[in-house]
Amino acid sequence: MTHLDPRTSQCELEVQRIIYLQNLANQLPDAFIDTKKVTKSHIPTANTLTWIDVLVGQLTNESKIRLKCDRPVGSKDVTPWNRRTQEKLGTLDEAIKTTDQFKIDKSIAL
């Protein structure tokens, strides 16, 4: 069978590289975890290490872009919100006049 698939030096180097990377990966978790501080569970699968994938360019303290009802932020609403216009709010002078009407004389209040 060996004559059907002869190994080349390039194939040997790839096999050695794979074995080296597997050994390196097996040693890494012990290098970063202080086993004295880890609480063990009675469930064996809960004691396995978990890996969190962080996407390229995503920071850990950065939240996801917020969506408007499952739509992107820049999208237009089919029925836009009714905004209060200046006419509905009135002018500042009208607001001052209405507050002046409700002032109570201090001598009456005491």
N, C-alpha and C. Protein backbone atom coordinates (compact mmCIF):
# COMPACT_ATOMS: atom_id res chain seq x y z
N MET A 1 0.81 -1.19 0.00
CA MET A 1 0.00 0.00 0.00
C MET A 1 0.86 1.26 0.00
N THR A 2 2.04 1.21 0.57
CA THR A 2 2.87 2.41 0.63
C THR A 2 3.30 2.87 -0.75
N HIS A 3 3.39 1.95 -1.70
CA HIS A 3 3.81 2.35 -3.04
C HIS A 3 2.71 3.13 -3.78
N LEU A 4 1.45 3.03 -3.32
CA LEU A 4 0.37 3.77 -3.96
C LEU A 4 0.35 5.24 -3.54
N ASP A 5 0.77 5.52 -2.33
CA ASP A 5 0.77 6.90 -1.82
C ASP A 5 2.10 7.19 -1.14
N PRO A 6 3.13 7.46 -1.91
CA PRO A 6 4.42 7.72 -1.29
C PRO A 6 4.41 9.08 -0.58
N ARG A 7 5.00 9.14 0.61
CA ARG A 7 5.07 10.38 1.37
C ARG A 7 6.23 11.23 0.85
N THR A 8 5.94 12.50 0.73
CA THR A 8 6.98 13.42 0.30
C THR A 8 7.46 14.20 1.52
N SER A 9 8.52 14.94 1.35
CA SER A 9 9.04 15.74 2.46
C SER A 9 8.06 16.84 2.84
N GLN A 10 7.34 17.37 1.85
CA GLN A 10 6.34 18.41 2.13
C GLN A 10 5.20 17.84 2.98
N CYS A 11 4.78 16.63 2.68
CA CYS A 11 3.73 15.97 3.45
C CYS A 11 4.19 15.72 4.88
N GLU A 12 5.44 15.31 5.05
CA GLU A 12 5.99 15.09 6.39
C GLU A 12 6.01 16.38 7.20
N LEU A 13 6.38 17.48 6.56
CA LEU A 13 6.40 18.77 7.26
C LEU A 13 4.99 19.20 7.68
N GLU A 14 4.01 18.96 6.83
CA GLU A 14 2.64 19.31 7.18
C GLU A 14 2.13 18.48 8.35
N VAL A 15 2.46 17.19 8.37
CA VAL A 15 2.05 16.32 9.48
C VAL A 15 2.72 16.77 10.77
N GLN A 16 4.00 17.10 10.72
CA GLN A 16 4.71 17.57 11.91
C GLN A 16 4.13 18.89 12.40
N ARG A 17 3.77 19.77 11.48
CA ARG A 17 3.20 21.07 11.85
C ARG A 17 1.84 20.87 12.53
N ILE A 18 1.02 19.96 12.01
CA ILE A 18 -0.29 19.69 12.60
C ILE A 18 -0.14 19.11 14.00
N ILE A 19 0.77 18.18 14.17
CA ILE A 19 1.01 17.58 15.50
C ILE A 19 1.51 18.63 16.48
N TYR A 20 2.41 19.51 16.02
CA TYR A 20 2.93 20.57 16.88
C TYR A 20 1.80 21.51 17.31
N LEU A 21 0.93 21.90 16.38
CA LEU A 21 -0.17 22.80 16.72
C LEU A 21 -1.18 22.15 17.66
N GLN A 22 -1.42 20.84 17.50
CA GLN A 22 -2.32 20.14 18.41
C GLN A 22 -1.74 20.11 19.83
N ASN A 23 -0.46 19.83 19.94
CA ASN A 23 0.18 19.83 21.27
C ASN A 23 0.15 21.22 21.89
N LEU A 24 0.38 22.23 21.08
CA LEU A 24 0.35 23.60 21.58
C LEU A 24 -1.05 23.98 22.05
N ALA A 25 -2.07 23.58 21.29
CA ALA A 25 -3.45 23.89 21.67
C ALA A 25 -3.86 23.14 22.94
N ASN A 26 -3.35 21.95 23.14
CA ASN A 26 -3.67 21.20 24.35
C ASN A 26 -3.02 21.81 25.58
N GLN A 27 -1.93 22.51 25.43
CA GLN A 27 -1.23 23.11 26.57
C GLN A 27 -1.75 24.50 26.91
N LEU A 28 -2.39 25.18 25.98
CA LEU A 28 -2.82 26.56 26.20
C LEU A 28 -3.84 26.74 27.31
N PRO A 29 -4.91 25.97 27.42
CA PRO A 29 -5.89 26.25 28.48
C PRO A 29 -5.29 26.22 29.88
N ASP A 30 -4.34 25.35 30.13
CA ASP A 30 -3.72 25.29 31.45
C ASP A 30 -2.87 26.52 31.73
N ALA A 31 -2.40 27.18 30.71
CA ALA A 31 -1.54 28.34 30.90
C ALA A 31 -2.33 29.56 31.35
N PHE A 32 -3.62 29.65 31.03
CA PHE A 32 -4.39 30.85 31.33
C PHE A 32 -5.36 30.70 32.49
N ILE A 33 -5.57 29.52 33.00
CA ILE A 33 -6.57 29.30 34.05
C ILE A 33 -5.88 28.86 35.33
N ASP A 34 -6.21 29.53 36.41
CA ASP A 34 -5.74 29.11 37.72
C ASP A 34 -6.75 28.08 38.23
N THR A 35 -6.38 26.81 38.22
CA THR A 35 -7.33 25.74 38.54
C THR A 35 -7.77 25.76 39.99
N LYS A 36 -7.04 26.43 40.86
CA LYS A 36 -7.45 26.50 42.27
C LYS A 36 -8.68 27.39 42.44
N LYS A 37 -8.86 28.36 41.55
CA LYS A 37 -9.97 29.29 41.67
C LYS A 37 -11.21 28.84 40.89
N VAL A 38 -11.12 27.77 40.13
CA VAL A 38 -12.23 27.30 39.31
C VAL A 38 -13.11 26.38 40.14
N THR A 39 -14.42 26.66 40.13
CA THR A 39 -15.38 25.81 40.84
C THR A 39 -15.79 24.68 39.91
N LYS A 40 -15.68 23.47 40.38
CA LYS A 40 -16.02 22.30 39.57
C LYS A 40 -17.49 21.95 39.77
N SER A 41 -18.12 21.52 38.71
CA SER A 41 -19.51 21.10 38.74
C SER A 41 -19.57 19.58 38.84
N HIS A 42 -20.69 19.06 39.33
CA HIS A 42 -20.87 17.61 39.38
C HIS A 42 -21.21 17.05 38.00
N ILE A 43 -21.54 17.95 37.06
CA ILE A 43 -21.82 17.54 35.68
C ILE A 43 -20.51 17.66 34.89
N PRO A 44 -19.99 16.55 34.36
CA PRO A 44 -18.69 16.61 33.67
C PRO A 44 -18.65 17.54 32.47
N THR A 45 -19.75 17.64 31.74
CA THR A 45 -19.72 18.51 30.55
C THR A 45 -19.71 19.98 30.92
N ALA A 46 -20.14 20.32 32.10
CA ALA A 46 -20.12 21.72 32.52
C ALA A 46 -18.72 22.18 32.87
N ASN A 47 -17.81 21.25 33.11
CA ASN A 47 -16.44 21.60 33.46
C ASN A 47 -15.56 21.86 32.25
N THR A 48 -16.08 21.67 31.06
CA THR A 48 -15.28 21.90 29.86
C THR A 48 -15.12 23.39 29.62
N LEU A 49 -14.07 23.75 28.94
CA LEU A 49 -13.82 25.15 28.63
C LEU A 49 -14.74 25.61 27.52
N THR A 50 -15.16 26.84 27.59
CA THR A 50 -15.99 27.40 26.53
C THR A 50 -15.22 28.51 25.85
N TRP A 51 -15.39 28.61 24.57
CA TRP A 51 -14.72 29.63 23.78
C TRP A 51 -15.76 30.60 23.26
N ILE A 52 -15.46 31.89 23.33
CA ILE A 52 -16.35 32.92 22.83
C ILE A 52 -15.72 33.50 21.58
N ASP A 53 -16.46 33.47 20.49
CA ASP A 53 -15.95 34.02 19.24
C ASP A 53 -16.21 35.51 19.21
N VAL A 54 -15.14 36.29 19.06
CA VAL A 54 -15.25 37.73 18.91
C VAL A 54 -14.94 38.04 17.46
N LEU A 55 -15.88 38.67 16.79
CA LEU A 55 -15.70 38.97 15.38
C LEU A 55 -14.61 40.00 15.19
N VAL A 56 -14.00 39.99 14.03
CA VAL A 56 -12.94 40.94 13.73
C VAL A 56 -13.55 42.33 13.68
N GLY A 57 -12.96 43.26 14.41
CA GLY A 57 -13.45 44.63 14.44
C GLY A 57 -14.49 44.88 15.52
N GLN A 58 -14.96 43.86 16.22
CA GLN A 58 -15.96 44.04 17.26
C GLN A 58 -15.26 44.13 18.60
N LEU A 59 -15.56 45.15 19.36
CA LEU A 59 -14.99 45.32 20.68
C LEU A 59 -15.89 44.67 21.71
N THR A 60 -15.31 44.29 22.83
CA THR A 60 -16.11 43.61 23.85
C THR A 60 -17.05 44.57 24.56
N ASN A 61 -16.68 45.84 24.66
CA ASN A 61 -17.54 46.79 25.37
C ASN A 61 -18.49 47.51 24.41
N GLU A 62 -18.57 47.07 23.18
CA GLU A 62 -19.40 47.71 22.18
C GLU A 62 -20.68 46.90 22.00
N SER A 63 -21.82 47.56 22.05
CA SER A 63 -23.07 46.83 21.88
C SER A 63 -23.45 46.79 20.41
N LYS A 64 -24.41 45.95 20.10
CA LYS A 64 -24.85 45.82 18.72
C LYS A 64 -25.67 47.04 18.32
N ILE A 65 -25.77 47.26 17.02
CA ILE A 65 -26.56 48.37 16.51
C ILE A 65 -28.02 48.10 16.83
N ARG A 66 -28.66 49.10 17.38
CA ARG A 66 -30.04 48.94 17.79
C ARG A 66 -30.96 49.03 16.58
N LEU A 67 -31.94 48.16 16.53
CA LEU A 67 -32.87 48.13 15.41
C LEU A 67 -34.20 48.76 15.80
N LYS A 68 -34.88 49.31 14.80
CA LYS A 68 -36.22 49.86 15.01
C LYS A 68 -37.21 48.79 14.59
N CYS A 69 -37.77 48.07 15.53
CA CYS A 69 -38.73 47.00 15.24
C CYS A 69 -38.16 46.05 14.20
N ASP A 70 -36.97 45.56 14.43
CA ASP A 70 -36.27 44.62 13.56
C ASP A 70 -35.90 45.22 12.21
N ARG A 71 -35.81 46.54 12.13
CA ARG A 71 -35.37 47.20 10.90
C ARG A 71 -34.15 48.04 11.21
N PRO A 72 -33.31 48.33 10.23
CA PRO A 72 -32.13 49.17 10.48
C PRO A 72 -32.52 50.56 10.94
N VAL A 73 -31.61 51.25 11.59
CA VAL A 73 -31.90 52.56 12.18
C VAL A 73 -32.23 53.59 11.11
N GLY A 74 -31.56 53.56 9.97
CA GLY A 74 -31.77 54.57 8.94
C GLY A 74 -32.99 54.37 8.08
N SER A 75 -33.76 53.32 8.31
CA SER A 75 -34.90 53.04 7.44
C SER A 75 -36.05 54.00 7.74
N LYS A 76 -36.85 54.26 6.72
CA LYS A 76 -37.98 55.17 6.85
C LYS A 76 -39.20 54.42 7.37
N ASP A 77 -39.99 55.09 8.19
CA ASP A 77 -41.22 54.50 8.70
C ASP A 77 -42.32 54.60 7.65
N VAL A 78 -43.16 53.58 7.58
CA VAL A 78 -44.29 53.62 6.65
C VAL A 78 -45.28 54.68 7.12
N THR A 79 -45.60 54.66 8.40
CA THR A 79 -46.44 55.70 9.00
C THR A 79 -45.59 56.44 10.01
N PRO A 80 -45.09 57.62 9.66
CA PRO A 80 -44.19 58.32 10.57
C PRO A 80 -44.91 58.79 11.83
N TRP A 81 -44.13 58.96 12.88
CA TRP A 81 -44.67 59.44 14.15
C TRP A 81 -45.17 60.87 13.97
N ASN A 82 -46.26 61.21 14.67
CA ASN A 82 -46.76 62.58 14.65
C ASN A 82 -45.89 63.42 15.56
N ARG A 83 -45.33 64.46 15.00
CA ARG A 83 -44.48 65.34 15.80
C ARG A 83 -45.25 66.59 16.18
N ARG A 84 -44.95 67.09 17.34
CA ARG A 84 -45.58 68.33 17.78
C ARG A 84 -44.91 69.47 17.03
N THR A 85 -45.71 70.27 16.42
CA THR A 85 -45.16 71.41 15.70
C THR A 85 -45.18 72.62 16.61
N GLN A 86 -44.56 73.67 16.14
CA GLN A 86 -44.49 74.89 16.94
C GLN A 86 -45.89 75.47 17.14
N GLU A 87 -46.79 75.28 16.16
CA GLU A 87 -48.15 75.81 16.30
C GLU A 87 -48.89 75.12 17.43
N LYS A 88 -48.70 73.81 17.57
CA LYS A 88 -49.39 73.09 18.63
C LYS A 88 -48.82 73.45 20.00
N LEU A 89 -47.52 73.64 20.06
CA LEU A 89 -46.90 73.98 21.33
C LEU A 89 -47.19 75.41 21.74
N GLY A 90 -47.41 76.26 20.77
CA GLY A 90 -47.63 77.65 21.08
C GLY A 90 -46.30 78.37 21.19
N THR A 91 -46.38 79.65 21.37
CA THR A 91 -45.15 80.43 21.48
C THR A 91 -44.79 80.59 22.94
N LEU A 92 -43.61 81.08 23.16
CA LEU A 92 -43.12 81.29 24.52
C LEU A 92 -43.93 82.36 25.23
N ASP A 93 -44.36 83.39 24.48
CA ASP A 93 -45.15 84.48 25.09
C ASP A 93 -46.49 83.95 25.61
N GLU A 94 -47.12 83.05 24.86
CA GLU A 94 -48.40 82.49 25.30
C GLU A 94 -48.22 81.66 26.57
N ALA A 95 -47.11 80.93 26.65
CA ALA A 95 -46.86 80.12 27.84
C ALA A 95 -46.64 81.01 29.06
N ILE A 96 -45.98 82.14 28.87
CA ILE A 96 -45.75 83.06 29.99
C ILE A 96 -47.07 83.69 30.43
N LYS A 97 -47.94 84.03 29.48
CA LYS A 97 -49.24 84.63 29.81
C LYS A 97 -50.09 83.67 30.64
N THR A 98 -50.08 82.38 30.28
CA THR A 98 -50.89 81.43 31.03
C THR A 98 -50.35 81.22 32.43
N THR A 99 -49.05 81.29 32.62
CA THR A 99 -48.51 81.14 33.97
C THR A 99 -48.78 82.37 34.80
N ASP A 100 -48.86 83.55 34.17
CA ASP A 100 -49.18 84.77 34.91
C ASP A 100 -50.62 84.74 35.42
N GLN A 101 -51.52 84.09 34.71
CA GLN A 101 -52.91 84.03 35.13
C GLN A 101 -53.08 83.22 36.41
N PHE A 102 -52.21 82.25 36.64
CA PHE A 102 -52.36 81.37 37.79
C PHE A 102 -51.55 81.81 39.00
N LYS A 103 -50.94 82.97 38.96
CA LYS A 103 -50.19 83.45 40.12
C LYS A 103 -51.18 83.84 41.22
N ILE A 104 -50.85 83.44 42.43
CA ILE A 104 -51.71 83.72 43.57
C ILE A 104 -51.07 84.82 44.39
N ASP A 105 -51.90 85.69 44.84
CA ASP A 105 -51.39 86.78 45.66
C ASP A 105 -50.88 86.20 46.98
N LYS A 106 -49.71 86.64 47.41
CA LYS A 106 -49.10 86.10 48.62
C LYS A 106 -49.93 86.43 49.86
N SER A 107 -50.56 87.55 49.87
CA SER A 107 -51.35 87.91 51.06
C SER A 107 -52.59 87.03 51.20
N ILE A 108 -53.15 86.57 50.09
CA ILE A 108 -54.32 85.70 50.14
C ILE A 108 -53.91 84.29 50.55
N ALA A 109 -52.77 83.84 50.06
CA ALA A 109 -52.33 82.47 50.30
C ALA A 109 -51.97 82.25 51.76
N LEU A 110 -51.50 83.27 52.45
CA LEU A 110 -51.10 83.10 53.85
C LEU A 110 -52.28 83.23 54.72
